[in-house]
C-alpha atoms as a PDB file:
ATOM      1  CA  UNK A   1       0.000   0.000   0.000  1.00  0.00           C
ATOM      2  CA  UNK A   2       0.952   3.661  -0.065  1.00  0.00           C
ATOM      3  CA  UNK A   3       0.160   5.328   3.250  1.00  0.00           C
ATOM      4  CA  UNK A   4       2.434   8.380   3.377  1.00  0.00           C
ATOM      5  CA  UNK A   5       4.076  10.611   0.797  1.00  0.00           C
ATOM      6  CA  UNK A   6       5.603  14.056   0.247  1.00  0.00           C
ATOM      7  CA  UNK A   7       5.146  17.091  -1.972  1.00  0.00           C
ATOM      8  CA  UNK A   8       7.917  19.539  -1.125  1.00  0.00           C
ATOM      9  CA  UNK A   9       8.382  20.994  -4.617  1.00  0.00           C
ATOM     10  CA  UNK A  10       7.704  24.737  -4.841  1.00  0.00           C
ATOM     11  CA  UNK A  11       4.794  26.092  -6.947  1.00  0.00           C
ATOM     12  CA  UNK A  12       7.302  27.631  -9.349  1.00  0.00           C
ATOM     13  CA  UNK A  13       9.059  24.297  -9.866  1.00  0.00           C
ATOM     14  CA  UNK A  14       5.731  22.525 -10.310  1.00  0.00           C
ATOM     15  CA  UNK A  15       4.828  24.952 -13.085  1.00  0.00           C
ATOM     16  CA  UNK A  16       8.154  24.237 -14.775  1.00  0.00           C
ATOM     17  CA  UNK A  17       7.655  20.475 -14.611  1.00  0.00           C
ATOM     18  CA  UNK A  18       3.951  20.631 -15.504  1.00  0.00           C
ATOM     19  CA  UNK A  19       3.653  23.700 -17.782  1.00  0.00           C
ATOM     20  CA  UNK A  20       0.104  22.744 -18.808  1.00  0.00           C
ATOM     21  CA  UNK A  21      -1.075  22.865 -15.195  1.00  0.00           C
ATOM     22  CA  UNK A  22      -2.471  25.860 -13.288  1.00  0.00           C
ATOM     23  CA  UNK A  23      -0.796  25.924  -9.856  1.00  0.00           C
ATOM     24  CA  UNK A  24      -1.732  28.419  -7.132  1.00  0.00           C
ATOM     25  CA  UNK A  25       0.877  30.070  -4.923  1.00  0.00           C
ATOM     26  CA  UNK A  26      -0.459  28.551  -1.703  1.00  0.00           C
ATOM     27  CA  UNK A  27       0.818  25.028  -2.402  1.00  0.00           C
ATOM     28  CA  UNK A  28       3.061  24.676   0.624  1.00  0.00           C
ATOM     29  CA  UNK A  29       5.711  22.002   1.235  1.00  0.00           C
ATOM     30  CA  UNK A  30       4.421  18.783   2.827  1.00  0.00           C
ATOM     31  CA  UNK A  31       6.877  16.271   4.297  1.00  0.00           C
ATOM     32  CA  UNK A  32       4.509  13.694   5.772  1.00  0.00           C
ATOM     33  CA  UNK A  33       1.148  13.602   3.990  1.00  0.00           C
ATOM     34  CA  UNK A  34      -1.237  11.179   5.685  1.00  0.00           C
ATOM     35  CA  UNK A  35      -4.681   9.680   4.936  1.00  0.00           C
ATOM     36  CA  UNK A  36      -7.784  11.879   5.503  1.00  0.00           C
ATOM     37  CA  UNK A  37      -5.718  15.010   4.759  1.00  0.00           C
ATOM     38  CA  UNK A  38      -6.187  17.237   1.668  1.00  0.00           C
ATOM     39  CA  UNK A  39      -3.810  16.281  -1.138  1.00  0.00           C
ATOM     40  CA  UNK A  40      -2.900  17.965  -4.439  1.00  0.00           C
ATOM     41  CA  UNK A  41      -4.762  16.448  -7.380  1.00  0.00           C
ATOM     42  CA  UNK A  42      -5.590  17.153 -11.021  1.00  0.00           C
ATOM     43  CA  UNK A  43      -9.069  15.718 -11.749  1.00  0.00           C
ATOM     44  CA  UNK A  44     -10.199  14.837 -15.268  1.00  0.00           C
ATOM     45  CA  UNK A  45     -12.625  17.754 -15.435  1.00  0.00           C
ATOM     46  CA  UNK A  46     -10.906  19.437 -18.382  1.00  0.00           C
ATOM     47  CA  UNK A  47      -9.652  22.417 -16.365  1.00  0.00           C
ATOM     48  CA  UNK A  48      -6.006  21.295 -15.882  1.00  0.00           C
ATOM     49  CA  UNK A  49      -6.046  23.034 -12.528  1.00  0.00           C
ATOM     50  CA  UNK A  50      -4.456  21.816  -9.296  1.00  0.00           C
ATOM     51  CA  UNK A  51      -7.035  21.242  -6.567  1.00  0.00           C
ATOM     52  CA  UNK A  52      -7.127  19.620  -3.116  1.00  0.00           C
ATOM     53  CA  UNK A  53      -9.212  16.524  -2.377  1.00  0.00           C
ATOM     54  CA  UNK A  54      -9.445  14.466   0.816  1.00  0.00           C
ATOM     55  CA  UNK A  55      -7.218  11.383   0.714  1.00  0.00           C
ATOM     56  CA  UNK A  56      -9.534   8.399   1.162  1.00  0.00           C
ATOM     57  CA  UNK A  57     -12.170   7.804  -1.492  1.00  0.00           C
ATOM     58  CA  UNK A  58     -15.825   8.110  -0.426  1.00  0.00           C
ATOM     59  CA  UNK A  59     -18.085   6.367  -2.985  1.00  0.00           C
ATOM     60  CA  UNK A  60     -21.128   8.385  -4.036  1.00  0.00           C
ATOM     61  CA  UNK A  61     -23.426   5.691  -2.624  1.00  0.00           C
ATOM     62  CA  UNK A  62     -21.784   5.633   0.837  1.00  0.00           C
ATOM     63  CA  UNK A  63     -24.037   6.441   3.785  1.00  0.00           C
ATOM     64  CA  UNK A  64     -21.137   7.389   6.047  1.00  0.00           C
ATOM     65  CA  UNK A  65     -18.085   9.346   4.808  1.00  0.00           C
ATOM     66  CA  UNK A  66     -15.857   7.534   7.312  1.00  0.00           C
ATOM     67  CA  UNK A  67     -15.661   4.701   4.772  1.00  0.00           C
ATOM     68  CA  UNK A  68     -12.988   6.817   3.100  1.00  0.00           C
ATOM     69  CA  UNK A  69     -10.579   5.983   5.925  1.00  0.00           C
ATOM     70  CA  UNK A  70     -10.346   2.470   4.462  1.00  0.00           C
ATOM     71  CA  UNK A  71     -10.148   3.593   0.825  1.00  0.00           C
ATOM     72  CA  UNK A  72      -6.763   5.311   0.651  1.00  0.00           C
ATOM     73  CA  UNK A  73      -5.501   2.773  -1.920  1.00  0.00           C
ATOM     74  CA  UNK A  74      -7.113   0.843  -4.774  1.00  0.00           C
ATOM     75  CA  UNK A  75      -5.560  -2.286  -6.269  1.00  0.00           C
ATOM     76  CA  UNK A  76      -4.989  -1.894 -10.013  1.00  0.00           C
ATOM     77  CA  UNK A  77      -5.847  -5.537 -10.637  1.00  0.00           C
ATOM     78  CA  UNK A  78      -9.428  -5.267  -9.337  1.00  0.00           C
ATOM     79  CA  UNK A  79     -10.557  -1.729 -10.232  1.00  0.00           C
ATOM     80  CA  UNK A  80     -13.153  -2.975 -12.690  1.00  0.00           C
ATOM     81  CA  UNK A  81     -14.644  -5.372 -10.133  1.00  0.00           C
ATOM     82  CA  UNK A  82     -14.845  -3.503  -6.844  1.00  0.00           C
ATOM     83  CA  UNK A  83     -18.099  -1.526  -6.343  1.00  0.00           C
ATOM     84  CA  UNK A  84     -16.194   1.285  -4.627  1.00  0.00           C
ATOM     85  CA  UNK A  85     -13.902   1.888  -7.600  1.00  0.00           C
ATOM     86  CA  UNK A  86     -15.354   0.632 -10.876  1.00  0.00           C
ATOM     87  CA  UNK A  87     -17.489   3.710 -11.670  1.00  0.00           C
ATOM     88  CA  UNK A  88     -14.658   6.099 -10.800  1.00  0.00           C
ATOM     89  CA  UNK A  89     -12.243   4.079 -12.953  1.00  0.00           C
ATOM     90  CA  UNK A  90     -14.496   4.653 -15.956  1.00  0.00           C
ATOM     91  CA  UNK A  91     -15.423   8.256 -15.324  1.00  0.00           C
ATOM     92  CA  UNK A  92     -13.425   9.986 -12.561  1.00  0.00           C
ATOM     93  CA  UNK A  93      -9.653   9.683 -12.710  1.00  0.00           C
ATOM     94  CA  UNK A  94      -7.012  12.060 -11.412  1.00  0.00           C
ATOM     95  CA  UNK A  95      -3.299  12.690 -11.148  1.00  0.00           C
ATOM     96  CA  UNK A  96      -1.953  13.007  -7.603  1.00  0.00           C
ATOM     97  CA  UNK A  97       1.193  15.115  -7.303  1.00  0.00           C
ATOM     98  CA  UNK A  98       4.120  13.887  -5.198  1.00  0.00           C
ATOM     99  CA  UNK A  99       7.894  13.942  -5.057  1.00  0.00           C
ATOM    100  CA  UNK A 100       8.481  10.953  -2.773  1.00  0.00           C
ATOM    101  CA  UNK A 101       6.690   8.311  -0.724  1.00  0.00           C
ATOM    102  CA  UNK A 102       7.289   6.117   2.304  1.00  0.00           C
ATOM    103  CA  UNK A 103       7.100   2.367   2.846  1.00  0.00           C
ATOM    104  CA  UNK A 104       8.026   0.302   5.884  1.00  0.00           C
ATOM    105  CA  UNK A 105      10.547  -2.495   5.292  1.00  0.00           C
ATOM    106  CA  UNK A 106      10.389  -5.689   7.350  1.00  0.00           C
ATOM    107  CA  UNK A 107      13.764  -6.499   8.914  1.00  0.00           C
ATOM    108  CA  UNK A 108      14.593 -10.215   9.447  1.00  0.00           C
ATOM    109  CA  UNK A 109      14.372 -11.168  13.100  1.00  0.00           C
ATOM    110  CA  UNK A 110      13.014  -7.775  14.177  1.00  0.00           C
ATOM    111  CA  UNK A 111       9.508  -6.694  15.156  1.00  0.00           C
ATOM    112  CA  UNK A 112      10.081  -3.041  14.289  1.00  0.00           C
ATOM    113  CA  UNK A 113       9.922  -2.082  10.599  1.00  0.00           C
ATOM    114  CA  UNK A 114      12.315   0.401   8.988  1.00  0.00           C
ATOM    115  CA  UNK A 115      10.669   3.394   7.283  1.00  0.00           C
ATOM    116  CA  UNK A 116      12.088   3.954   3.809  1.00  0.00           C
ATOM    117  CA  UNK A 117      11.799   7.091   1.679  1.00  0.00           C
ATOM    118  CA  UNK A 118      11.497   6.425  -2.062  1.00  0.00           C
ATOM    119  CA  UNK A 119      11.812   9.039  -4.802  1.00  0.00           C
ATOM    120  CA  UNK A 120      13.033   9.478  -8.373  1.00  0.00           C
ATOM    121  CA  UNK A 121      16.798   9.575  -8.836  1.00  0.00           C
ATOM    122  CA  UNK A 122      16.275  12.851 -10.686  1.00  0.00           C
ATOM    123  CA  UNK A 123      14.632  14.400  -7.605  1.00  0.00           C
ATOM    124  CA  UNK A 124      11.804  15.675  -9.798  1.00  0.00           C
ATOM    125  CA  UNK A 125       8.108  15.589  -8.847  1.00  0.00           C
ATOM    126  CA  UNK A 126       5.883  12.925 -10.376  1.00  0.00           C
ATOM    127  CA  UNK A 127       2.260  11.798 -10.305  1.00  0.00           C
ATOM    128  CA  UNK A 128       0.412   8.823  -8.884  1.00  0.00           C
ATOM    129  CA  UNK A 129      -2.543   7.408 -10.788  1.00  0.00           C
ATOM    130  CA  UNK A 130      -5.673   8.135  -8.783  1.00  0.00           C
ATOM    131  CA  UNK A 131      -9.464   7.989  -8.770  1.00  0.00           C
ATOM    132  CA  UNK A 132     -11.829  10.615  -7.349  1.00  0.00           C
ATOM    133  CA  UNK A 133     -15.422  10.937  -6.195  1.00  0.00           C
ATOM    134  CA  UNK A 134     -17.868  13.671  -5.185  1.00  0.00           C
ATOM    135  CA  UNK A 135     -19.883  12.617  -2.129  1.00  0.00           C
ATOM    136  CA  UNK A 136     -23.049  14.542  -1.204  1.00  0.00           C
ATOM    137  CA  UNK A 137     -24.327  14.698   2.374  1.00  0.00           C
ATOM    138  CA  UNK A 138     -27.990  14.968   3.355  1.00  0.00           C
ATOM    139  CA  UNK A 139     -27.489  18.625   4.312  1.00  0.00           C
ATOM    140  CA  UNK A 140     -26.339  19.474   0.789  1.00  0.00           C
ATOM    141  CA  UNK A 141     -22.618  19.684   1.570  1.00  0.00           C
ATOM    142  CA  UNK A 142     -20.117  17.716  -0.467  1.00  0.00           C
ATOM    143  CA  UNK A 143     -16.709  16.099  -0.076  1.00  0.00           C
ATOM    144  CA  UNK A 144     -14.287  15.668  -2.960  1.00  0.00           C
ATOM    145  CA  UNK A 145     -12.115  12.647  -2.217  1.00  0.00           C
ATOM    146  CA  UNK A 146      -9.566  10.428  -3.938  1.00  0.00           C
ATOM    147  CA  UNK A 147      -7.518   7.244  -3.722  1.00  0.00           C
ATOM    148  CA  UNK A 148      -4.052   6.187  -4.927  1.00  0.00           C
ATOM    149  CA  UNK A 149      -3.858   3.158  -7.215  1.00  0.00           C
ATOM    150  CA  UNK A 150      -1.267   0.499  -6.326  1.00  0.00           C
ATOM    151  CA  UNK A 151       0.260  -2.345  -8.311  1.00  0.00           C
ATOM    152  CA  UNK A 152       2.783  -5.158  -8.001  1.00  0.00           C
ATOM    153  CA  UNK A 153       6.277  -4.002  -6.948  1.00  0.00           C
ATOM    154  CA  UNK A 154       9.140  -3.722  -9.407  1.00  0.00           C
ATOM    155  CA  UNK A 155      12.498  -5.366  -8.685  1.00  0.00           C
ATOM    156  CA  UNK A 156      13.697  -2.305  -6.792  1.00  0.00           C
ATOM    157  CA  UNK A 157      10.658  -2.110  -4.519  1.00  0.00           C
ATOM    158  CA  UNK A 158      10.210  -5.838  -3.893  1.00  0.00           C
ATOM    159  CA  UNK A 159      12.693  -6.028  -0.977  1.00  0.00           C
ATOM    160  CA  UNK A 160      10.953  -3.041   0.628  1.00  0.00           C
ATOM    161  CA  UNK A 161       7.244  -3.810   0.180  1.00  0.00           C
ATOM    162  CA  UNK A 162       4.900  -6.144  -1.702  1.00  0.00           C
ATOM    163  CA  UNK A 163       2.979  -3.268  -3.338  1.00  0.00           C
ATOM    164  CA  UNK A 164       3.883   0.095  -4.841  1.00  0.00           C
ATOM    165  CA  UNK A 165       1.891   3.127  -6.022  1.00  0.00           C
ATOM    166  CA  UNK A 166       1.355   3.475  -9.763  1.00  0.00           C
ATOM    167  CA  UNK A 167       3.584   6.300 -11.003  1.00  0.00           C
ATOM    168  CA  UNK A 168       2.445   7.453 -14.430  1.00  0.00           C
ATOM    169  CA  UNK A 169       4.874   8.604 -17.144  1.00  0.00           C
ATOM    170  CA  UNK A 170       4.131  11.943 -18.806  1.00  0.00           C
ATOM    171  CA  UNK A 171       2.998  10.184 -21.971  1.00  0.00           C
ATOM    172  CA  UNK A 172       0.079   8.686 -20.011  1.00  0.00           C
ATOM    173  CA  UNK A 173      -1.313  11.964 -18.624  1.00  0.00           C
ATOM    174  CA  UNK A 174      -3.635  12.793 -21.566  1.00  0.00           C
ATOM    175  CA  UNK A 175      -5.222   9.325 -21.555  1.00  0.00           C
ATOM    176  CA  UNK A 176      -5.677   9.304 -17.798  1.00  0.00           C
ATOM    177  CA  UNK A 177      -7.253  12.768 -17.796  1.00  0.00           C
ATOM    178  CA  UNK A 178      -9.619  12.066 -20.696  1.00  0.00           C
ATOM    179  CA  UNK A 179     -13.111  13.271 -19.767  1.00  0.00           C
ATOM    180  CA  UNK A 180     -15.266  10.774 -21.620  1.00  0.00           C
ATOM    181  CA  UNK A 181     -15.908   7.222 -20.458  1.00  0.00           C
ATOM    182  CA  UNK A 182     -12.670   5.287 -20.486  1.00  0.00           C
ATOM    183  CA  UNK A 183     -11.418   2.483 -22.650  1.00  0.00           C
ATOM    184  CA  UNK A 184     -10.819   0.291 -19.621  1.00  0.00           C
ATOM    185  CA  UNK A 185      -8.482  -2.100 -21.363  1.00  0.00           C
ATOM    186  CA  UNK A 186      -6.261   0.725 -22.613  1.00  0.00           C
ATOM    187  CA  UNK A 187      -6.119   2.393 -19.202  1.00  0.00           C
ATOM    188  CA  UNK A 188      -5.437  -0.897 -17.448  1.00  0.00           C
ATOM    189  CA  UNK A 189      -2.275  -1.247 -19.513  1.00  0.00           C
ATOM    190  CA  UNK A 190      -0.935   1.948 -17.901  1.00  0.00           C
ATOM    191  CA  UNK A 191      -1.177   0.566 -14.361  1.00  0.00           C
ATOM    192  CA  UNK A 192       2.212  -1.114 -14.242  1.00  0.00           C
ATOM    193  CA  UNK A 193       5.288  -0.844 -11.991  1.00  0.00           C
ATOM    194  CA  UNK A 194       7.524   2.159 -12.641  1.00  0.00           C
ATOM    195  CA  UNK A 195      11.019   1.350 -14.023  1.00  0.00           C
ATOM    196  CA  UNK A 196      13.327   0.210 -11.214  1.00  0.00           C
ATOM    197  CA  UNK A 197      16.349   2.028 -12.613  1.00  0.00           C
ATOM    198  CA  UNK A 198      14.670   5.423 -12.098  1.00  0.00           C
ATOM    199  CA  UNK A 199      14.079   5.019  -8.348  1.00  0.00           C
ATOM    200  CA  UNK A 200      16.234   5.464  -5.284  1.00  0.00           C
ATOM    201  CA  UNK A 201      15.534   4.887  -1.575  1.00  0.00           C
ATOM    202  CA  UNK A 202      17.067   5.293   1.862  1.00  0.00           C
ATOM    203  CA  UNK A 203      16.022   4.665   5.476  1.00  0.00           C
ATOM    204  CA  UNK A 204      14.618   7.557   7.516  1.00  0.00           C
ATOM    205  CA  UNK A 205      13.844   8.012  11.192  1.00  0.00           C
ATOM    206  CA  UNK A 206      10.601   6.893  12.805  1.00  0.00           C
ATOM    207  CA  UNK A 207       9.466  10.517  12.930  1.00  0.00           C
ATOM    208  CA  UNK A 208       7.378   9.651   9.880  1.00  0.00           C
ATOM    209  CA  UNK A 209       5.267   7.283  11.985  1.00  0.00           C
ATOM    210  CA  UNK A 210       3.407  10.257  13.485  1.00  0.00           C
ATOM    211  CA  UNK A 211       1.333  12.346  11.041  1.00  0.00           C
ATOM    212  CA  UNK A 212       1.925  15.357  13.276  1.00  0.00           C
ATOM    213  CA  UNK A 213       5.581  15.405  12.240  1.00  0.00           C
ATOM    214  CA  UNK A 214       5.459  17.387   9.012  1.00  0.00           C
ATOM    215  CA  UNK A 215       8.864  19.021   8.626  1.00  0.00           C
ATOM    216  CA  UNK A 216      12.093  18.447   6.615  1.00  0.00           C
ATOM    217  CA  UNK A 217      13.725  16.176   9.200  1.00  0.00           C
ATOM    218  CA  UNK A 218      11.156  13.480   8.363  1.00  0.00           C
ATOM    219  CA  UNK A 219      12.766  12.899   4.954  1.00  0.00           C
ATOM    220  CA  UNK A 220      16.389  13.061   6.127  1.00  0.00           C
ATOM    221  CA  UNK A 221      18.449   9.867   6.002  1.00  0.00           C
ATOM    222  CA  UNK A 222      18.618   7.987   9.289  1.00  0.00           C
END
């Protein structure tokens, strides 16, 4: 699964890396983004504008929005089958901006896992493949929410964790952000492990275990 990530890239740098995207100035650095928090997304609404949705997808049919707490990730292999995700897969997809993510590595003979920080060797920001929903409450209010799609690990990630988030290459952005109903088979082919040779990782301190720790030291090598 993917349960924590970062977006520390400045708005100016984001505009340079994603020149087609409208980015506001108030996108602040985040060093320990956790579930249920607002995260930076680009929904397939045709606006190409960065917005903030709650991390944890709330299906439109849900009676209680707390279901989103269990919907932070969606398995790529079963998107077309799961009631919580199949409609969003066809109609409501998004890019989720990040520049690193955390996974906890099991150490042989130890009960305590080692938190690892994974990013691109280039240090550049990237996007996770995501799905989004618009949930309406009885009082007329609404919650825009999203989930990160995960897939099988590549050779680099396998010693760290048995899943990894889907990182989309730039060539896949137009297809993923298409507004009309998706060609499911074509989109499914995009949900594959990112190339191992483009990733790097290192252990960090257990500061990341607490969502309240949201400062640069969280991403520093242990």
